[in-house]
Amino acid sequence: MKVRIVVLAKQVPDPETPPSQFKIDESSNSVITPNGVPPVVNGFDLNAVEAALLLKDSDADVEITVLSVGSDFVMDAMKKPLAMGADRLVLVADELLDKLDSSATVKLLAAAIQKDGPFDLILGGRQASDWDQAHVTLGLSEVLGLPLVSLVKKLEINGDSVSLQRLIPDGYQAITAPIPAVLTVTNELGEPRYPNLRGIMQASRKKPEIFSLDDLGLSPEDLTPKLELKKLYVPESNKQVELIEGEDEADSGKKLALRLREEKLI
């Protein structure tokens, strides 16, 4: 029996962008795209791609579809999961989708999954590196009426269920969940594989399947945000540094302790 897996992937600004190039347009509450720094696929979502690929490596009959919603997609970035070994790339693309909140994203993803499905497993990263909210997979499980297991570090398909290890502060929980289910994958699963030359060449020949709002039976009114962003800004740092020097390490430590006591920190 073929197991169909959809992996949610979000295009995000590169987290390695130099701080000097990170700018905010406070008039529109948006991040200014830096010149020469292309976006990437959310790193946590690549962990989810790796989880799906590990299932495929285990000789299971698995089809992996990568699903994303947004606008201004950069194909060099979005095709990375295909180069890693995913089978399909499905994009919900529209110029109206540049400022989605999590509730609108959930609506779009649910509609796309219902149109393109059915799927046995829906995998997502533990959170997105741009907003770090971790709302979407939770909302998606609610809308689709599917069980959710978060922070999965290992998974294995056993017939009509999936065996999981779920990360907790002092170890992990062993959980069995029915299929279909929604899972969020944590980076403790391991580093995503690096695309090889063969995978890159195969990905270059694959074209994404694109859905519009009309294809999903949705209108702009359906995407009205439930969250209002009041202000987006780069916080100012007013920290001051005072260097404590002494004749040797012991003298420096003594002077540091006296200085901390003066400030009533110890």
Protein backbone atom coordinates (compact mmCIF):
# COMPACT_ATOMS: atom_id res chain seq x y z
CA MET A 1 0.00 0.00 0.00
CA LYS A 2 1.36 3.40 -1.00
CA VAL A 3 1.73 5.88 1.84
CA ARG A 4 1.16 9.48 0.74
CA ILE A 5 2.97 12.07 2.81
CA VAL A 6 2.61 15.83 2.47
CA VAL A 7 5.35 17.98 3.98
CA LEU A 8 4.56 21.62 4.70
CA ALA A 9 7.36 23.98 3.67
CA LYS A 10 7.58 27.73 4.09
CA GLN A 11 9.79 30.15 2.18
CA VAL A 12 11.46 32.43 4.75
CA PRO A 13 14.20 35.08 4.84
CA ASP A 14 17.61 33.48 5.29
CA PRO A 15 18.27 33.30 9.07
CA GLU A 16 21.97 33.82 8.28
CA THR A 17 21.29 37.29 6.87
CA PRO A 18 23.89 39.70 8.33
CA PRO A 19 22.29 41.94 10.98
CA SER A 20 23.50 45.00 9.07
CA GLN A 21 21.26 43.99 6.13
CA PHE A 22 18.15 43.28 8.19
CA LYS A 23 15.83 46.26 7.77
CA ILE A 24 12.22 46.92 8.74
CA ASP A 25 9.75 49.15 6.93
CA GLU A 26 7.80 50.36 9.96
CA SER A 27 5.24 52.16 7.78
CA SER A 28 4.04 48.83 6.37
CA ASN A 29 5.18 46.56 9.24
CA SER A 30 7.20 44.43 6.86
CA VAL A 31 10.74 43.17 6.43
CA ILE A 32 12.65 44.76 3.57
CA THR A 33 14.09 42.02 1.35
CA PRO A 34 17.88 42.43 1.48
CA ASN A 35 19.74 42.69 -1.79
CA GLY A 36 21.80 39.64 -2.70
CA VAL A 37 20.40 37.44 0.09
CA PRO A 38 17.84 35.03 -1.41
CA PRO A 39 15.15 33.37 0.74
CA VAL A 40 15.41 29.75 1.85
CA VAL A 41 13.10 26.95 2.88
CA ASN A 42 12.47 27.05 6.63
CA GLY A 43 15.15 24.87 8.20
CA PHE A 44 12.73 23.13 10.56
CA ASP A 45 10.59 22.15 7.55
CA LEU A 46 13.66 20.53 6.00
CA ASN A 47 13.79 18.33 9.12
CA ALA A 48 10.25 17.24 8.23
CA VAL A 49 11.37 16.51 4.65
CA GLU A 50 14.20 14.40 6.06
CA ALA A 51 11.74 12.48 8.26
CA ALA A 52 9.66 11.64 5.20
CA LEU A 53 12.75 10.61 3.24
CA LEU A 54 13.88 8.31 6.07
CA LEU A 55 10.53 6.52 5.79
CA LYS A 56 11.10 6.21 2.05
CA ASP A 57 14.64 4.90 2.65
CA SER A 58 13.19 2.12 4.83
CA ASP A 59 11.81 0.49 1.65
CA ALA A 60 8.29 1.71 2.36
CA ASP A 61 6.18 2.60 -0.69
CA VAL A 62 6.09 6.33 -0.01
CA GLU A 63 5.16 9.33 -2.15
CA ILE A 64 6.33 12.68 -0.77
CA THR A 65 4.56 15.91 -1.76
CA VAL A 66 5.94 19.24 -0.60
CA LEU A 67 3.24 21.90 -0.13
CA SER A 68 3.72 25.64 0.34
CA VAL A 69 1.58 28.78 0.19
CA GLY A 70 2.70 32.33 -0.51
CA SER A 71 3.84 34.70 -3.24
CA ASP A 72 7.06 35.55 -5.05
CA PHE A 73 8.42 32.02 -4.74
CA VAL A 74 12.10 31.59 -5.59
CA MET A 75 12.33 28.24 -7.37
CA ASP A 76 16.00 27.72 -6.53
CA ALA A 77 14.97 27.70 -2.89
CA MET A 78 11.65 25.87 -3.15
CA LYS A 79 13.09 23.03 -5.25
CA LYS A 80 15.58 22.06 -2.55
CA PRO A 81 13.20 19.41 -1.06
CA LEU A 82 12.86 17.96 -4.58
CA ALA A 83 16.66 17.83 -4.87
CA MET A 84 16.76 16.04 -1.52
CA GLY A 85 14.41 13.35 -2.87
CA ALA A 86 10.79 14.50 -2.57
CA ASP A 87 8.52 13.51 -5.45
CA ARG A 88 6.26 16.53 -6.01
CA LEU A 89 6.10 20.24 -5.29
CA VAL A 90 2.68 21.89 -4.96
CA LEU A 91 2.46 25.67 -4.55
CA VAL A 92 -0.54 27.80 -3.68
CA ALA A 93 0.64 31.02 -5.27
CA ASP A 94 -1.06 34.40 -5.51
CA GLU A 95 0.11 37.99 -5.13
CA LEU A 96 -2.55 38.40 -2.43
CA LEU A 97 -0.76 35.87 -0.20
CA ASP A 98 2.21 37.99 0.82
CA LYS A 99 0.87 38.90 4.29
CA LEU A 100 -0.95 35.90 5.68
CA ASP A 101 -1.57 35.27 9.33
CA SER A 102 -1.60 31.72 10.66
CA SER A 103 -5.39 31.32 10.43
CA ALA A 104 -5.41 32.21 6.72
CA THR A 105 -2.45 29.92 6.11
CA VAL A 106 -4.33 27.07 7.75
CA LYS A 107 -7.37 27.68 5.51
CA LEU A 108 -5.22 27.61 2.39
CA LEU A 109 -3.29 24.51 3.39
CA ALA A 110 -6.44 22.65 4.41
CA ALA A 111 -8.12 23.48 1.10
CA ALA A 112 -5.04 22.41 -0.89
CA ILE A 113 -4.72 19.15 1.06
CA GLN A 114 -8.39 18.33 0.57
CA LYS A 115 -8.10 19.07 -3.16
CA ASP A 116 -4.86 17.19 -3.75
CA GLY A 117 -5.31 14.43 -1.14
CA PRO A 118 -6.00 12.15 0.50
CA PHE A 119 -2.77 12.00 2.48
CA ASP A 120 -1.79 9.53 5.17
CA LEU A 121 0.64 11.77 7.05
CA ILE A 122 1.03 15.55 7.18
CA LEU A 123 4.46 16.62 8.41
CA GLY A 124 5.63 20.10 9.33
CA GLY A 125 8.60 21.62 11.11
CA ARG A 126 8.33 22.41 14.80
CA GLN A 127 8.05 26.14 13.95
CA ALA A 128 9.03 28.65 11.28
CA SER A 129 12.26 30.58 11.65
CA ASP A 130 10.70 33.92 10.71
CA TRP A 131 7.89 34.31 13.29
CA ASP A 132 8.55 31.28 15.56
CA GLN A 133 4.84 30.93 16.38
CA ALA A 134 4.25 27.20 15.70
CA HIS A 135 0.54 27.86 15.07
CA VAL A 136 -0.05 26.39 11.61
CA THR A 137 0.28 22.64 12.15
CA LEU A 138 -1.81 22.82 15.31
CA GLY A 139 -4.56 24.73 13.52
CA LEU A 140 -4.39 22.39 10.53
CA SER A 141 -5.01 19.32 12.68
CA GLU A 142 -8.05 21.05 14.20
CA VAL A 143 -9.52 22.07 10.83
CA LEU A 144 -8.94 18.64 9.27
CA GLY A 145 -10.12 16.77 12.38
CA LEU A 146 -6.90 14.75 12.62
CA PRO A 147 -4.82 13.75 15.65
CA LEU A 148 -1.67 15.78 16.25
CA VAL A 149 1.67 14.75 17.74
CA SER A 150 4.24 17.51 18.19
CA LEU A 151 8.05 17.49 18.52
CA VAL A 152 8.55 14.11 16.85
CA LYS A 153 12.20 12.97 16.77
CA LYS A 154 11.70 9.51 15.26
CA LEU A 155 8.86 7.79 13.39
CA GLU A 156 8.06 4.43 11.83
CA ILE A 157 4.99 3.31 9.90
CA ASN A 158 3.33 0.11 11.09
CA GLY A 159 0.35 -0.70 8.89
CA ASP A 160 -2.46 1.71 9.72
CA SER A 161 -0.56 3.45 12.54
CA VAL A 162 2.69 5.25 13.12
CA SER A 163 5.10 4.67 16.02
CA LEU A 164 6.69 7.85 17.31
CA GLN A 165 9.24 9.19 19.72
CA ARG A 166 8.11 12.59 21.00
CA LEU A 167 10.69 14.89 22.56
CA ILE A 168 10.14 15.98 26.18
CA PRO A 169 12.52 17.93 28.47
CA ASP A 170 14.04 14.87 30.14
CA GLY A 171 13.85 12.31 27.33
CA TYR A 172 11.11 11.17 24.97
CA GLN A 173 7.65 9.65 24.95
CA ALA A 174 6.87 6.52 22.92
CA ILE A 175 3.53 7.11 21.18
CA THR A 176 1.44 5.19 18.66
CA ALA A 177 -0.89 7.34 16.54
CA PRO A 178 -3.49 6.27 13.98
CA ILE A 179 -3.10 7.17 10.32
CA PRO A 180 -3.95 9.76 9.01
CA ALA A 181 -2.29 12.17 11.43
CA VAL A 182 -0.51 15.52 11.61
CA LEU A 183 3.04 15.52 13.00
CA THR A 184 5.49 18.29 13.77
CA VAL A 185 9.11 17.21 13.44
CA THR A 186 11.83 18.58 15.69
CA ASN A 187 15.42 19.23 14.66
CA GLU A 188 16.56 16.52 17.11
CA LEU A 189 15.60 14.09 14.33
CA GLY A 190 18.94 14.95 12.72
CA GLU A 191 20.44 17.14 10.03
CA PRO A 192 18.62 17.17 6.67
CA ARG A 193 20.57 15.43 3.93
CA TYR A 194 22.46 17.52 1.42
CA PRO A 195 21.16 17.26 -2.17
CA ASN A 196 23.51 15.35 -4.47
CA LEU A 197 24.19 16.23 -8.11
CA ARG A 198 21.71 13.64 -9.40
CA GLY A 199 18.97 15.00 -7.15
CA ILE A 200 19.68 18.58 -8.22
CA MET A 201 19.49 17.62 -11.90
CA GLN A 202 16.22 15.72 -11.40
CA ALA A 203 14.72 18.64 -9.44
CA SER A 204 15.65 21.08 -12.22
CA ARG A 205 13.46 19.10 -14.64
CA LYS A 206 10.41 18.97 -12.37
CA LYS A 207 7.79 21.68 -12.57
CA PRO A 208 5.73 22.65 -9.54
CA GLU A 209 1.96 22.17 -9.61
CA ILE A 210 0.36 25.52 -8.88
CA PHE A 211 -3.04 26.20 -7.34
CA SER A 212 -4.71 29.61 -7.30
CA LEU A 213 -7.34 30.87 -4.88
CA ASP A 214 -10.01 30.09 -7.49
CA ASP A 215 -8.73 26.52 -7.79
CA LEU A 216 -9.27 26.08 -4.05
CA GLY A 217 -12.68 27.77 -4.03
CA LEU A 218 -11.47 30.58 -1.79
CA SER A 219 -11.78 34.35 -2.05
CA PRO A 220 -9.69 37.16 -0.54
CA GLU A 221 -12.46 37.67 2.03
CA ASP A 222 -11.86 34.12 3.29
CA LEU A 223 -8.30 35.12 4.20
CA THR A 224 -9.15 38.08 6.43
CA PRO A 225 -6.56 37.94 9.24
CA LYS A 226 -7.62 37.20 12.79
CA LEU A 227 -4.41 38.66 14.20
CA GLU A 228 -3.51 42.33 13.86
CA LEU A 229 0.16 43.28 13.75
CA LYS A 230 0.41 46.59 15.59
CA LYS A 231 4.11 47.30 15.27
CA LEU A 232 7.16 45.61 13.81
CA TYR A 233 10.55 47.04 14.72
CA VAL A 234 14.15 46.16 15.52
CA PRO A 235 14.65 46.57 19.27
CA GLU A 236 17.36 48.98 20.36
CA SER A 237 20.14 47.70 22.56
CA ASN A 238 21.37 50.08 25.28
CA LYS A 239 23.68 47.66 27.05
CA GLN A 240 26.93 49.02 28.46
CA VAL A 241 30.04 46.95 29.03
CA GLU A 242 32.54 47.59 31.82
CA LEU A 243 35.87 45.75 31.78
CA ILE A 244 37.31 44.74 35.16
CA GLU A 245 41.09 44.29 35.06
CA GLY A 246 43.43 43.09 37.76
CA GLU A 247 47.03 42.03 38.25
CA ASP A 248 46.07 38.37 37.81
CA GLU A 249 42.96 36.19 37.60
CA ALA A 250 42.46 36.13 41.36
CA ASP A 251 42.75 39.92 41.62
CA SER A 252 40.36 40.37 38.67
CA GLY A 253 37.84 38.04 40.32
CA LYS A 254 38.05 39.95 43.59
CA LYS A 255 37.52 43.30 41.88
CA LEU A 256 34.61 41.88 39.88
CA ALA A 257 32.94 40.62 43.06
CA LEU A 258 33.36 44.02 44.74
CA ARG A 259 31.91 45.78 41.68
CA LEU A 260 28.90 43.46 41.59
CA ARG A 261 28.32 44.09 45.27
CA GLU A 262 28.37 47.84 44.68
CA GLU A 263 25.60 47.39 42.14
CA LYS A 264 23.76 45.14 44.65
CA LEU A 265 23.82 42.24 42.19
CA ILE A 266 25.27 39.88 44.77
